[in-house]
Amino acid sequence: MNIGIIIETHEPEKAWNAFRFAVTSVQKEHIVKVFLMGEAVECNNINDERYNVPEQMEKFSELGGIIMACGTCLKSRQMQSSELCPISTMNDCVEMVEWADKLVTF
């Protein structure tokens, strides 16, 4: 199954759970894409002892998951894209929604 995940939060526990869901979905052999929007483009910079979001993001990527970061949201925060979170557009988000059999938002 194709699973699309839209994350709009950088609250550590919620973002951590979103990426745990993404990792588990890939491990169950689903094809998974994540689109980071709004404050979620800051997820890779979360520094929380209890909820290690960057670790889950790396694990998801290593398993073949795809992460996209909203370019407008990055720009509004004066952030750059990264190898882990390449810059994407709203068109990419719409295409992910069209591609997905199921869509989950956090």
C-alpha atoms as a PDB file:
ATOM      1  CA  MET A   1       0.000   0.000   0.000  1.00  0.00           C
ATOM      2  CA  ASN A   2       1.113   3.584  -0.650  1.00  0.00           C
ATOM      3  CA  ILE A   3       0.941   5.638   2.543  1.00  0.00           C
ATOM      4  CA  GLY A   4       1.298   9.417   2.578  1.00  0.00           C
ATOM      5  CA  ILE A   5       1.989  11.208   5.844  1.00  0.00           C
ATOM      6  CA  ILE A   6       1.681  14.958   6.358  1.00  0.00           C
ATOM      7  CA  ILE A   7       3.359  16.269   9.491  1.00  0.00           C
ATOM      8  CA  GLU A   8       2.640  19.830  10.635  1.00  0.00           C
ATOM      9  CA  THR A   9       4.120  19.857  14.137  1.00  0.00           C
ATOM     10  CA  HIS A  10       7.561  20.064  15.671  1.00  0.00           C
ATOM     11  CA  GLU A  11       6.241  19.121  19.112  1.00  0.00           C
ATOM     12  CA  PRO A  12       8.712  16.359  20.069  1.00  0.00           C
ATOM     13  CA  GLU A  13       6.366  13.565  21.131  1.00  0.00           C
ATOM     14  CA  LYS A  14       3.941  14.055  18.231  1.00  0.00           C
ATOM     15  CA  ALA A  15       6.703  14.257  15.622  1.00  0.00           C
ATOM     16  CA  TRP A  16       8.445  11.238  17.177  1.00  0.00           C
ATOM     17  CA  ASN A  17       5.224   9.211  17.000  1.00  0.00           C
ATOM     18  CA  ALA A  18       4.641  10.304  13.410  1.00  0.00           C
ATOM     19  CA  PHE A  19       8.055   9.033  12.366  1.00  0.00           C
ATOM     20  CA  ARG A  20       7.667   5.847  14.444  1.00  0.00           C
ATOM     21  CA  PHE A  21       4.457   5.241  12.482  1.00  0.00           C
ATOM     22  CA  ALA A  22       6.336   5.894   9.234  1.00  0.00           C
ATOM     23  CA  VAL A  23       9.154   3.494  10.213  1.00  0.00           C
ATOM     24  CA  THR A  24       6.707   0.769  11.215  1.00  0.00           C
ATOM     25  CA  SER A  25       4.782   1.207   7.953  1.00  0.00           C
ATOM     26  CA  VAL A  26       7.943   0.739   5.893  1.00  0.00           C
ATOM     27  CA  GLN A  27       8.899  -2.285   7.986  1.00  0.00           C
ATOM     28  CA  LYS A  28       5.490  -3.751   7.111  1.00  0.00           C
ATOM     29  CA  GLU A  29       6.527  -3.334   3.446  1.00  0.00           C
ATOM     30  CA  HIS A  30       4.401  -0.320   2.594  1.00  0.00           C
ATOM     31  CA  ILE A  31       5.763   2.459   0.395  1.00  0.00           C
ATOM     32  CA  VAL A  32       5.766   5.600   2.507  1.00  0.00           C
ATOM     33  CA  LYS A  33       6.276   9.294   1.777  1.00  0.00           C
ATOM     34  CA  VAL A  34       6.324  12.053   4.397  1.00  0.00           C
ATOM     35  CA  PHE A  35       5.670  15.721   3.662  1.00  0.00           C
ATOM     36  CA  LEU A  36       6.818  18.210   6.306  1.00  0.00           C
ATOM     37  CA  MET A  37       4.755  21.386   6.372  1.00  0.00           C
ATOM     38  CA  GLY A  38       4.752  24.453   8.619  1.00  0.00           C
ATOM     39  CA  GLU A  39       6.744  24.062  11.809  1.00  0.00           C
ATOM     40  CA  ALA A  40       7.414  20.398  10.969  1.00  0.00           C
ATOM     41  CA  VAL A  41      10.236  21.489   8.655  1.00  0.00           C
ATOM     42  CA  GLU A  42      12.127  22.010  11.935  1.00  0.00           C
ATOM     43  CA  CYS A  43      11.813  18.318  12.946  1.00  0.00           C
ATOM     44  CA  ASN A  44      15.410  17.454  12.102  1.00  0.00           C
ATOM     45  CA  ASN A  45      16.533  20.078  14.650  1.00  0.00           C
ATOM     46  CA  ILE A  46      14.454  18.781  17.566  1.00  0.00           C
ATOM     47  CA  ASN A  47      16.688  18.158  20.561  1.00  0.00           C
ATOM     48  CA  ASP A  48      14.717  16.212  23.142  1.00  0.00           C
ATOM     49  CA  GLU A  49      16.187  13.591  25.489  1.00  0.00           C
ATOM     50  CA  ARG A  50      13.008  11.539  25.608  1.00  0.00           C
ATOM     51  CA  TYR A  51      11.822  11.783  21.982  1.00  0.00           C
ATOM     52  CA  ASN A  52      14.699  11.479  19.524  1.00  0.00           C
ATOM     53  CA  VAL A  53      12.975  12.652  16.357  1.00  0.00           C
ATOM     54  CA  PRO A  54      16.132  12.990  14.193  1.00  0.00           C
ATOM     55  CA  GLU A  55      17.002   9.369  14.988  1.00  0.00           C
ATOM     56  CA  GLN A  56      13.570   8.195  13.800  1.00  0.00           C
ATOM     57  CA  MET A  57      13.885  10.349  10.672  1.00  0.00           C
ATOM     58  CA  GLU A  58      17.255   8.765   9.846  1.00  0.00           C
ATOM     59  CA  LYS A  59      15.885   5.284  10.443  1.00  0.00           C
ATOM     60  CA  PHE A  60      12.914   6.009   8.170  1.00  0.00           C
ATOM     61  CA  SER A  61      15.217   7.300   5.436  1.00  0.00           C
ATOM     62  CA  GLU A  62      17.606   4.344   5.771  1.00  0.00           C
ATOM     63  CA  LEU A  63      14.657   1.982   5.304  1.00  0.00           C
ATOM     64  CA  GLY A  64      13.811   3.697   2.010  1.00  0.00           C
ATOM     65  CA  GLY A  65      11.190   6.160   3.185  1.00  0.00           C
ATOM     66  CA  ILE A  66      10.950   9.486   1.383  1.00  0.00           C
ATOM     67  CA  ILE A  67      10.864  12.814   3.231  1.00  0.00           C
ATOM     68  CA  MET A  68       9.941  16.081   1.534  1.00  0.00           C
ATOM     69  CA  ALA A  69      10.050  19.529   3.154  1.00  0.00           C
ATOM     70  CA  CYS A  70       7.859  22.453   2.073  1.00  0.00           C
ATOM     71  CA  GLY A  71      10.118  25.002   0.398  1.00  0.00           C
ATOM     72  CA  THR A  72       7.938  27.955   1.354  1.00  0.00           C
ATOM     73  CA  CYS A  73       7.936  26.839   4.995  1.00  0.00           C
ATOM     74  CA  LEU A  74      11.724  26.425   4.949  1.00  0.00           C
ATOM     75  CA  LYS A  75      12.182  29.827   3.345  1.00  0.00           C
ATOM     76  CA  SER A  76       9.907  31.570   5.859  1.00  0.00           C
ATOM     77  CA  ARG A  77      12.162  30.204   8.615  1.00  0.00           C
ATOM     78  CA  GLN A  78      15.328  31.087   6.706  1.00  0.00           C
ATOM     79  CA  MET A  79      16.260  27.399   6.637  1.00  0.00           C
ATOM     80  CA  GLN A  80      17.919  25.365   3.907  1.00  0.00           C
ATOM     81  CA  SER A  81      16.915  21.974   2.592  1.00  0.00           C
ATOM     82  CA  SER A  82      19.101  18.998   3.458  1.00  0.00           C
ATOM     83  CA  GLU A  83      19.880  15.629   1.975  1.00  0.00           C
ATOM     84  CA  LEU A  84      17.464  14.091   4.472  1.00  0.00           C
ATOM     85  CA  CYS A  85      14.752  16.700   3.794  1.00  0.00           C
ATOM     86  CA  PRO A  86      14.976  17.990   0.234  1.00  0.00           C
ATOM     87  CA  ILE A  87      13.038  21.098  -0.721  1.00  0.00           C
ATOM     88  CA  SER A  88       9.627  20.350  -2.178  1.00  0.00           C
ATOM     89  CA  THR A  89       6.593  22.262  -3.353  1.00  0.00           C
ATOM     90  CA  MET A  90       2.880  22.230  -2.730  1.00  0.00           C
ATOM     91  CA  ASN A  91       2.597  20.421  -6.081  1.00  0.00           C
ATOM     92  CA  ASP A  92       4.733  17.631  -4.593  1.00  0.00           C
ATOM     93  CA  CYS A  93       2.351  17.474  -1.622  1.00  0.00           C
ATOM     94  CA  VAL A  94      -0.693  17.257  -3.902  1.00  0.00           C
ATOM     95  CA  GLU A  95       0.993  14.558  -5.990  1.00  0.00           C
ATOM     96  CA  MET A  96       1.727  12.581  -2.813  1.00  0.00           C
ATOM     97  CA  VAL A  97      -1.936  12.839  -1.781  1.00  0.00           C
ATOM     98  CA  GLU A  98      -3.037  11.680  -5.244  1.00  0.00           C
ATOM     99  CA  TRP A  99      -0.510   8.796  -5.121  1.00  0.00           C
ATOM    100  CA  ALA A 100      -1.438   7.597  -1.625  1.00  0.00           C
ATOM    101  CA  ASP A 101      -3.916   4.818  -0.964  1.00  0.00           C
ATOM    102  CA  LYS A 102      -4.122   6.144   2.607  1.00  0.00           C
ATOM    103  CA  LEU A 103      -3.178   9.537   4.017  1.00  0.00           C
ATOM    104  CA  VAL A 104      -2.374  10.266   7.657  1.00  0.00           C
ATOM    105  CA  THR A 105      -1.760  13.673   9.227  1.00  0.00           C
ATOM    106  CA  PHE A 106       0.001  14.548  12.460  1.00  0.00           C
END
